[in-house]
């Protein structure tokens, strides 16, 4: 909802998205099960929020840290969140380059290294899980 409000402040897109998510039978069924799909969905929603926040306000150190930490936590919760994590990191890379091309230096402290912070944090935090999976299953994402 917050990501929709940041990206489209004057429209009803955020309310419509919440309406469909709340009343979708598939979403309700997945959330009712005893699994971590709800956690993975929440992490993906937070990644979308931080992408929208960085898009609207510029890349900050806080946004880069949150994207890196959430991407790693998403990998621990469910490997399917890796897709949204790659999208978030790619968006952060493009936003970082956009910030370098702008001549204004208004409140963008981590513009030059925001992508590096998030990617390094993801790699460092996810490394134990990837090594464990490699040793146990022979596949780092297994």
N, C-alpha and C. Protein backbone atom coordinates (compact mmCIF):
# COMPACT_ATOMS: atom_id res chain seq x y z
N UNK A 1 0.82 -1.19 0.00
CA UNK A 1 0.00 0.00 0.00
C UNK A 1 0.86 1.25 0.00
N UNK A 2 1.89 1.26 0.89
CA UNK A 2 2.75 2.44 0.98
C UNK A 2 3.55 2.64 -0.30
N UNK A 3 4.01 1.55 -0.92
CA UNK A 3 4.74 1.67 -2.17
C UNK A 3 3.85 2.24 -3.27
N UNK A 4 2.61 1.81 -3.31
CA UNK A 4 1.66 2.36 -4.28
C UNK A 4 1.37 3.82 -4.03
N UNK A 5 1.28 4.22 -2.77
CA UNK A 5 1.04 5.63 -2.45
C UNK A 5 2.25 6.50 -2.80
N UNK A 6 3.45 5.94 -2.63
CA UNK A 6 4.64 6.71 -3.00
C UNK A 6 4.75 6.85 -4.51
N UNK A 7 4.52 5.76 -5.23
CA UNK A 7 4.68 5.78 -6.68
C UNK A 7 3.55 6.53 -7.38
N UNK A 8 2.33 6.39 -6.88
CA UNK A 8 1.16 7.02 -7.50
C UNK A 8 0.36 7.76 -6.44
N UNK A 9 0.81 8.94 -6.01
CA UNK A 9 0.17 9.61 -4.87
C UNK A 9 -1.25 10.11 -5.14
N UNK A 10 -1.57 10.40 -6.39
CA UNK A 10 -2.87 11.01 -6.67
C UNK A 10 -3.90 10.03 -7.22
N UNK A 11 -3.59 8.75 -7.26
CA UNK A 11 -4.55 7.81 -7.83
C UNK A 11 -5.00 6.80 -6.78
N UNK A 12 -5.91 5.97 -7.17
CA UNK A 12 -6.47 4.95 -6.29
C UNK A 12 -5.82 3.58 -6.52
N UNK A 13 -4.63 3.56 -7.11
CA UNK A 13 -3.96 2.29 -7.41
C UNK A 13 -3.62 1.54 -6.13
N UNK A 14 -3.15 2.23 -5.11
CA UNK A 14 -2.77 1.56 -3.86
C UNK A 14 -3.98 0.90 -3.21
N UNK A 15 -5.10 1.60 -3.16
CA UNK A 15 -6.30 1.03 -2.55
C UNK A 15 -6.81 -0.16 -3.35
N UNK A 16 -6.73 -0.07 -4.68
CA UNK A 16 -7.17 -1.18 -5.53
C UNK A 16 -6.29 -2.40 -5.32
N UNK A 17 -4.99 -2.20 -5.21
CA UNK A 17 -4.08 -3.32 -4.99
C UNK A 17 -4.35 -3.99 -3.65
N UNK A 18 -4.60 -3.21 -2.62
CA UNK A 18 -4.91 -3.78 -1.30
C UNK A 18 -6.23 -4.54 -1.36
N UNK A 19 -7.21 -4.01 -2.07
CA UNK A 19 -8.50 -4.67 -2.21
C UNK A 19 -8.34 -6.04 -2.85
N UNK A 20 -7.60 -6.11 -3.96
CA UNK A 20 -7.42 -7.39 -4.64
C UNK A 20 -6.59 -8.36 -3.81
N UNK A 21 -5.57 -7.87 -3.13
CA UNK A 21 -4.75 -8.76 -2.30
C UNK A 21 -5.54 -9.29 -1.12
N UNK A 22 -6.39 -8.46 -0.53
CA UNK A 22 -7.14 -8.88 0.65
C UNK A 22 -8.23 -9.88 0.31
N UNK A 23 -8.81 -9.77 -0.87
CA UNK A 23 -9.95 -10.62 -1.22
C UNK A 23 -9.62 -11.72 -2.22
N UNK A 24 -8.37 -11.87 -2.56
CA UNK A 24 -7.98 -12.93 -3.50
C UNK A 24 -8.04 -14.28 -2.80
N UNK A 25 -8.79 -15.23 -3.33
CA UNK A 25 -8.87 -16.54 -2.68
C UNK A 25 -7.52 -17.25 -2.64
N UNK A 26 -6.70 -17.10 -3.67
CA UNK A 26 -5.39 -17.74 -3.67
C UNK A 26 -4.49 -17.15 -2.58
N UNK A 27 -4.53 -15.84 -2.44
CA UNK A 27 -3.73 -15.18 -1.41
C UNK A 27 -4.19 -15.60 -0.02
N UNK A 28 -5.48 -15.70 0.17
CA UNK A 28 -6.01 -16.14 1.46
C UNK A 28 -5.64 -17.59 1.75
N UNK A 29 -5.70 -18.44 0.73
CA UNK A 29 -5.35 -19.85 0.92
C UNK A 29 -3.88 -20.05 1.24
N UNK A 30 -3.03 -19.33 0.55
CA UNK A 30 -1.59 -19.45 0.80
C UNK A 30 -1.27 -18.91 2.19
N UNK A 31 -1.90 -17.83 2.59
CA UNK A 31 -1.65 -17.26 3.91
C UNK A 31 -2.18 -18.12 5.04
N UNK A 32 -3.19 -18.94 4.76
CA UNK A 32 -3.77 -19.78 5.80
C UNK A 32 -2.95 -21.04 6.04
N UNK A 33 -2.10 -21.39 5.10
CA UNK A 33 -1.28 -22.58 5.26
C UNK A 33 -0.16 -22.38 6.27
N UNK A 34 0.37 -23.49 6.72
CA UNK A 34 1.47 -23.43 7.69
C UNK A 34 2.80 -23.47 6.93
N UNK A 35 3.16 -22.35 6.38
CA UNK A 35 4.41 -22.24 5.62
C UNK A 35 4.94 -20.81 5.73
N UNK A 36 6.00 -20.54 5.02
CA UNK A 36 6.59 -19.21 5.11
C UNK A 36 6.30 -18.37 3.87
N UNK A 37 5.24 -18.69 3.13
CA UNK A 37 4.88 -17.90 1.96
C UNK A 37 4.43 -16.50 2.35
N UNK A 38 3.73 -16.37 3.47
CA UNK A 38 3.30 -15.05 3.93
C UNK A 38 4.49 -14.18 4.28
N UNK A 39 5.50 -14.76 4.90
CA UNK A 39 6.72 -14.02 5.23
C UNK A 39 7.44 -13.58 3.96
N UNK A 40 7.52 -14.49 2.99
CA UNK A 40 8.17 -14.14 1.72
C UNK A 40 7.41 -13.02 1.02
N UNK A 41 6.09 -13.08 1.06
CA UNK A 41 5.28 -12.01 0.46
C UNK A 41 5.48 -10.68 1.15
N UNK A 42 5.58 -10.71 2.48
CA UNK A 42 5.81 -9.48 3.24
C UNK A 42 7.18 -8.89 2.90
N UNK A 43 8.20 -9.74 2.79
CA UNK A 43 9.54 -9.26 2.46
C UNK A 43 9.54 -8.65 1.07
N UNK A 44 8.85 -9.28 0.13
CA UNK A 44 8.76 -8.71 -1.22
C UNK A 44 8.03 -7.37 -1.22
N UNK A 45 6.99 -7.26 -0.41
CA UNK A 45 6.27 -5.98 -0.30
C UNK A 45 7.19 -4.90 0.27
N UNK A 46 7.99 -5.24 1.28
CA UNK A 46 8.93 -4.27 1.84
C UNK A 46 10.00 -3.90 0.82
N UNK A 47 10.45 -4.84 0.01
CA UNK A 47 11.41 -4.51 -1.05
C UNK A 47 10.79 -3.54 -2.05
N UNK A 48 9.54 -3.77 -2.41
CA UNK A 48 8.86 -2.84 -3.32
C UNK A 48 8.72 -1.46 -2.69
N UNK A 49 8.43 -1.42 -1.39
CA UNK A 49 8.34 -0.13 -0.71
C UNK A 49 9.67 0.62 -0.77
N UNK A 50 10.78 -0.07 -0.46
CA UNK A 50 12.07 0.61 -0.46
C UNK A 50 12.52 1.00 -1.87
N UNK A 51 12.11 0.23 -2.89
CA UNK A 51 12.39 0.64 -4.27
C UNK A 51 11.64 1.93 -4.59
N UNK A 52 10.37 1.99 -4.22
CA UNK A 52 9.57 3.20 -4.48
C UNK A 52 10.11 4.38 -3.68
N UNK A 53 10.54 4.13 -2.46
CA UNK A 53 11.10 5.19 -1.62
C UNK A 53 12.38 5.75 -2.25
N UNK A 54 13.25 4.87 -2.73
CA UNK A 54 14.50 5.32 -3.36
C UNK A 54 14.22 6.03 -4.67
N UNK A 55 13.20 5.59 -5.38
CA UNK A 55 12.84 6.24 -6.64
C UNK A 55 12.33 7.65 -6.40
N UNK A 56 11.53 7.81 -5.36
CA UNK A 56 10.94 9.12 -5.07
C UNK A 56 11.93 10.07 -4.39
N UNK A 57 12.69 9.58 -3.41
CA UNK A 57 13.53 10.45 -2.59
C UNK A 57 15.02 10.35 -2.89
N UNK A 58 15.41 9.50 -3.80
CA UNK A 58 16.82 9.30 -4.08
C UNK A 58 17.38 8.17 -3.22
N UNK A 59 18.50 7.66 -3.64
CA UNK A 59 19.13 6.54 -2.93
C UNK A 59 19.82 7.06 -1.68
N UNK A 60 19.39 6.57 -0.54
CA UNK A 60 20.02 6.94 0.72
C UNK A 60 20.73 5.72 1.29
N UNK A 61 21.57 5.94 2.25
CA UNK A 61 22.27 4.83 2.89
C UNK A 61 21.25 3.90 3.57
N UNK A 62 20.24 4.49 4.17
CA UNK A 62 19.21 3.70 4.85
C UNK A 62 18.46 2.80 3.87
N UNK A 63 18.10 3.34 2.70
CA UNK A 63 17.40 2.54 1.69
C UNK A 63 18.28 1.41 1.19
N UNK A 64 19.57 1.69 0.97
CA UNK A 64 20.48 0.65 0.50
C UNK A 64 20.65 -0.45 1.55
N UNK A 65 20.78 -0.06 2.80
CA UNK A 65 20.89 -1.05 3.88
C UNK A 65 19.63 -1.91 3.98
N UNK A 66 18.49 -1.28 3.93
CA UNK A 66 17.23 -2.01 4.05
C UNK A 66 17.03 -2.97 2.87
N UNK A 67 17.35 -2.53 1.66
CA UNK A 67 17.21 -3.41 0.50
C UNK A 67 18.16 -4.59 0.61
N UNK A 68 19.40 -4.36 1.02
CA UNK A 68 20.35 -5.46 1.18
C UNK A 68 19.93 -6.45 2.25
N UNK A 69 19.49 -5.94 3.39
CA UNK A 69 19.07 -6.82 4.49
C UNK A 69 17.80 -7.58 4.11
N UNK A 70 16.84 -6.90 3.53
CA UNK A 70 15.59 -7.57 3.15
C UNK A 70 15.82 -8.61 2.06
N UNK A 71 16.72 -8.33 1.12
CA UNK A 71 17.02 -9.31 0.08
C UNK A 71 17.62 -10.57 0.68
N UNK A 72 18.51 -10.41 1.65
CA UNK A 72 19.11 -11.58 2.32
C UNK A 72 18.07 -12.32 3.15
N UNK A 73 17.24 -11.61 3.89
CA UNK A 73 16.20 -12.26 4.68
C UNK A 73 15.21 -12.99 3.78
N UNK A 74 14.92 -12.41 2.63
CA UNK A 74 14.03 -13.07 1.68
C UNK A 74 14.61 -14.37 1.17
N UNK A 75 15.90 -14.41 0.98
CA UNK A 75 16.55 -15.64 0.55
C UNK A 75 16.48 -16.70 1.64
N UNK A 76 16.59 -16.30 2.90
CA UNK A 76 16.44 -17.25 4.00
C UNK A 76 14.99 -17.74 4.10
N UNK A 77 14.03 -16.87 3.82
CA UNK A 77 12.62 -17.26 3.95
C UNK A 77 12.20 -18.19 2.82
N UNK A 78 12.51 -17.82 1.58
CA UNK A 78 12.09 -18.60 0.42
C UNK A 78 12.92 -18.14 -0.77
N UNK A 79 13.47 -19.08 -1.50
CA UNK A 79 14.37 -18.70 -2.59
C UNK A 79 13.64 -18.00 -3.73
N UNK A 80 12.32 -18.09 -3.80
CA UNK A 80 11.60 -17.41 -4.87
C UNK A 80 11.64 -15.89 -4.70
N UNK A 81 11.97 -15.40 -3.51
CA UNK A 81 12.10 -13.95 -3.32
C UNK A 81 13.35 -13.40 -3.99
N UNK A 82 14.20 -14.30 -4.46
CA UNK A 82 15.42 -13.86 -5.14
C UNK A 82 15.11 -13.06 -6.40
N UNK A 83 13.99 -13.37 -7.05
CA UNK A 83 13.60 -12.64 -8.26
C UNK A 83 13.33 -11.18 -7.92
N UNK A 84 12.55 -10.93 -6.87
CA UNK A 84 12.26 -9.55 -6.46
C UNK A 84 13.53 -8.87 -5.95
N UNK A 85 14.41 -9.64 -5.31
CA UNK A 85 15.67 -9.08 -4.83
C UNK A 85 16.53 -8.59 -5.99
N UNK A 86 16.59 -9.38 -7.06
CA UNK A 86 17.35 -8.95 -8.23
C UNK A 86 16.74 -7.71 -8.88
N UNK A 87 15.42 -7.65 -8.90
CA UNK A 87 14.76 -6.45 -9.43
C UNK A 87 15.08 -5.24 -8.56
N UNK A 88 15.06 -5.42 -7.24
CA UNK A 88 15.37 -4.32 -6.33
C UNK A 88 16.81 -3.85 -6.49
N UNK A 89 17.73 -4.79 -6.62
CA UNK A 89 19.14 -4.41 -6.81
C UNK A 89 19.35 -3.73 -8.15
N UNK A 90 18.67 -4.21 -9.19
CA UNK A 90 18.78 -3.57 -10.51
C UNK A 90 18.21 -2.16 -10.47
N UNK A 91 17.07 -2.00 -9.81
CA UNK A 91 16.49 -0.66 -9.67
C UNK A 91 17.43 0.24 -8.89
N UNK A 92 18.06 -0.28 -7.87
CA UNK A 92 19.01 0.51 -7.08
C UNK A 92 20.21 0.91 -7.93
N UNK A 93 20.66 0.01 -8.80
CA UNK A 93 21.78 0.34 -9.70
C UNK A 93 21.39 1.46 -10.65
N UNK A 94 20.20 1.37 -11.26
CA UNK A 94 19.76 2.43 -12.17
C UNK A 94 19.52 3.75 -11.44
N UNK A 95 18.97 3.67 -10.24
CA UNK A 95 18.76 4.90 -9.46
C UNK A 95 20.08 5.51 -9.03
N UNK A 96 21.07 4.67 -8.75
CA UNK A 96 22.40 5.17 -8.40
C UNK A 96 23.00 5.91 -9.58
N UNK A 97 22.88 5.33 -10.76
CA UNK A 97 23.42 6.00 -11.96
C UNK A 97 22.66 7.27 -12.27
N UNK A 98 21.35 7.26 -12.04
CA UNK A 98 20.56 8.48 -12.26
C UNK A 98 21.02 9.58 -11.31
N UNK A 99 21.30 9.21 -10.07
CA UNK A 99 21.75 10.18 -9.08
C UNK A 99 23.11 10.75 -9.40
N UNK A 100 23.98 9.94 -10.03
CA UNK A 100 25.30 10.45 -10.42
C UNK A 100 25.20 11.45 -11.55
N UNK A 101 24.19 11.28 -12.43
CA UNK A 101 24.05 12.17 -13.57
C UNK A 101 23.41 13.50 -13.19
N UNK A 102 22.71 13.54 -12.07
CA UNK A 102 22.10 14.79 -11.64
C UNK A 102 23.16 15.67 -10.98
N UNK A 103 23.09 16.95 -11.26
CA UNK A 103 24.09 17.85 -10.69
C UNK A 103 23.76 18.25 -9.26
N UNK A 104 22.52 18.07 -8.85
CA UNK A 104 22.11 18.44 -7.49
C UNK A 104 22.64 17.44 -6.49
N UNK A 105 23.10 17.93 -5.37
CA UNK A 105 23.59 17.05 -4.30
C UNK A 105 22.68 17.13 -3.08
N UNK A 106 21.41 17.39 -3.30
CA UNK A 106 20.47 17.57 -2.19
C UNK A 106 20.13 16.22 -1.56
N UNK A 107 20.63 15.97 -0.39
CA UNK A 107 20.30 14.84 0.46
C UNK A 107 20.37 13.50 -0.25
N UNK A 108 21.49 13.21 -0.90
CA UNK A 108 21.72 11.91 -1.51
C UNK A 108 23.09 11.43 -1.09
N UNK A 109 23.26 11.07 0.19
CA UNK A 109 24.59 10.72 0.68
C UNK A 109 25.14 9.42 0.13
N UNK A 110 24.29 8.47 -0.17
CA UNK A 110 24.79 7.17 -0.62
C UNK A 110 24.56 6.94 -2.10
N UNK A 111 24.39 8.00 -2.86
CA UNK A 111 24.08 7.85 -4.27
C UNK A 111 25.17 7.08 -5.01
N UNK A 112 26.41 7.35 -4.71
CA UNK A 112 27.49 6.71 -5.46
C UNK A 112 27.71 5.26 -5.07
N UNK A 113 27.42 4.90 -3.84
CA UNK A 113 27.72 3.54 -3.42
C UNK A 113 26.51 2.78 -2.87
N UNK A 114 25.31 3.21 -3.16
CA UNK A 114 24.12 2.55 -2.66
C UNK A 114 23.98 1.13 -3.17
N UNK A 115 24.23 0.93 -4.46
CA UNK A 115 24.14 -0.42 -5.02
C UNK A 115 25.19 -1.33 -4.41
N UNK A 116 26.40 -0.82 -4.24
CA UNK A 116 27.48 -1.63 -3.68
C UNK A 116 27.17 -2.03 -2.24
N UNK A 117 26.60 -1.11 -1.47
CA UNK A 117 26.23 -1.42 -0.08
C UNK A 117 25.21 -2.54 -0.04
N UNK A 118 24.16 -2.43 -0.84
CA UNK A 118 23.09 -3.43 -0.83
C UNK A 118 23.58 -4.78 -1.34
N UNK A 119 24.34 -4.78 -2.43
CA UNK A 119 24.83 -6.04 -2.99
C UNK A 119 25.81 -6.72 -2.05
N UNK A 120 26.70 -5.96 -1.44
CA UNK A 120 27.66 -6.54 -0.50
C UNK A 120 26.95 -7.11 0.73
N UNK A 121 25.98 -6.38 1.22
CA UNK A 121 25.22 -6.84 2.38
C UNK A 121 24.47 -8.13 2.05
N UNK A 122 23.86 -8.19 0.87
CA UNK A 122 23.17 -9.41 0.46
C UNK A 122 24.13 -10.58 0.39
N UNK A 123 25.29 -10.38 -0.22
CA UNK A 123 26.26 -11.46 -0.35
C UNK A 123 26.79 -11.93 1.01
N UNK A 124 27.11 -11.00 1.88
CA UNK A 124 27.68 -11.37 3.18
C UNK A 124 26.64 -12.09 4.04
N UNK A 125 25.41 -11.58 4.07
CA UNK A 125 24.39 -12.19 4.91
C UNK A 125 23.87 -13.51 4.36
N UNK A 126 23.86 -13.66 3.05
CA UNK A 126 23.33 -14.90 2.45
C UNK A 126 24.40 -15.97 2.29
N UNK A 127 25.67 -15.62 2.45
CA UNK A 127 26.74 -16.59 2.24
C UNK A 127 26.62 -17.84 3.11
N UNK A 128 26.31 -17.74 4.41
CA UNK A 128 26.17 -18.97 5.21
C UNK A 128 25.10 -19.93 4.68
N UNK A 129 23.97 -19.37 4.26
CA UNK A 129 22.90 -20.21 3.71
C UNK A 129 23.33 -20.87 2.41
N UNK A 130 23.97 -20.10 1.54
CA UNK A 130 24.40 -20.65 0.26
C UNK A 130 25.46 -21.73 0.44
N UNK A 131 26.40 -21.52 1.37
CA UNK A 131 27.42 -22.55 1.64
C UNK A 131 26.78 -23.80 2.24
N UNK A 132 25.87 -23.62 3.16
CA UNK A 132 25.17 -24.77 3.76
C UNK A 132 24.43 -25.57 2.70
N UNK A 133 23.70 -24.90 1.84
CA UNK A 133 22.97 -25.60 0.78
C UNK A 133 23.92 -26.33 -0.17
N UNK A 134 25.04 -25.70 -0.47
CA UNK A 134 26.00 -26.33 -1.37
C UNK A 134 26.55 -27.62 -0.74
N UNK A 135 26.89 -27.57 0.53
CA UNK A 135 27.45 -28.76 1.18
C UNK A 135 26.39 -29.86 1.39
N UNK A 136 25.17 -29.47 1.73
CA UNK A 136 24.13 -30.47 1.99
C UNK A 136 23.50 -31.05 0.72
N UNK A 137 23.19 -30.16 -0.24
CA UNK A 137 22.40 -30.58 -1.39
C UNK A 137 23.17 -30.54 -2.71
N UNK A 138 24.35 -29.93 -2.71
CA UNK A 138 25.10 -29.80 -3.95
C UNK A 138 24.61 -28.68 -4.84
N UNK A 139 23.74 -27.85 -4.32
CA UNK A 139 23.20 -26.72 -5.08
C UNK A 139 23.04 -25.56 -4.10
N UNK A 140 23.62 -24.39 -4.37
CA UNK A 140 23.52 -23.30 -3.41
C UNK A 140 22.10 -22.79 -3.18
N UNK A 141 21.23 -22.94 -4.17
CA UNK A 141 19.85 -22.48 -4.02
C UNK A 141 18.91 -23.63 -3.70
N UNK A 142 19.43 -24.80 -3.42
CA UNK A 142 18.63 -26.01 -3.22
C UNK A 142 17.84 -26.07 -1.97
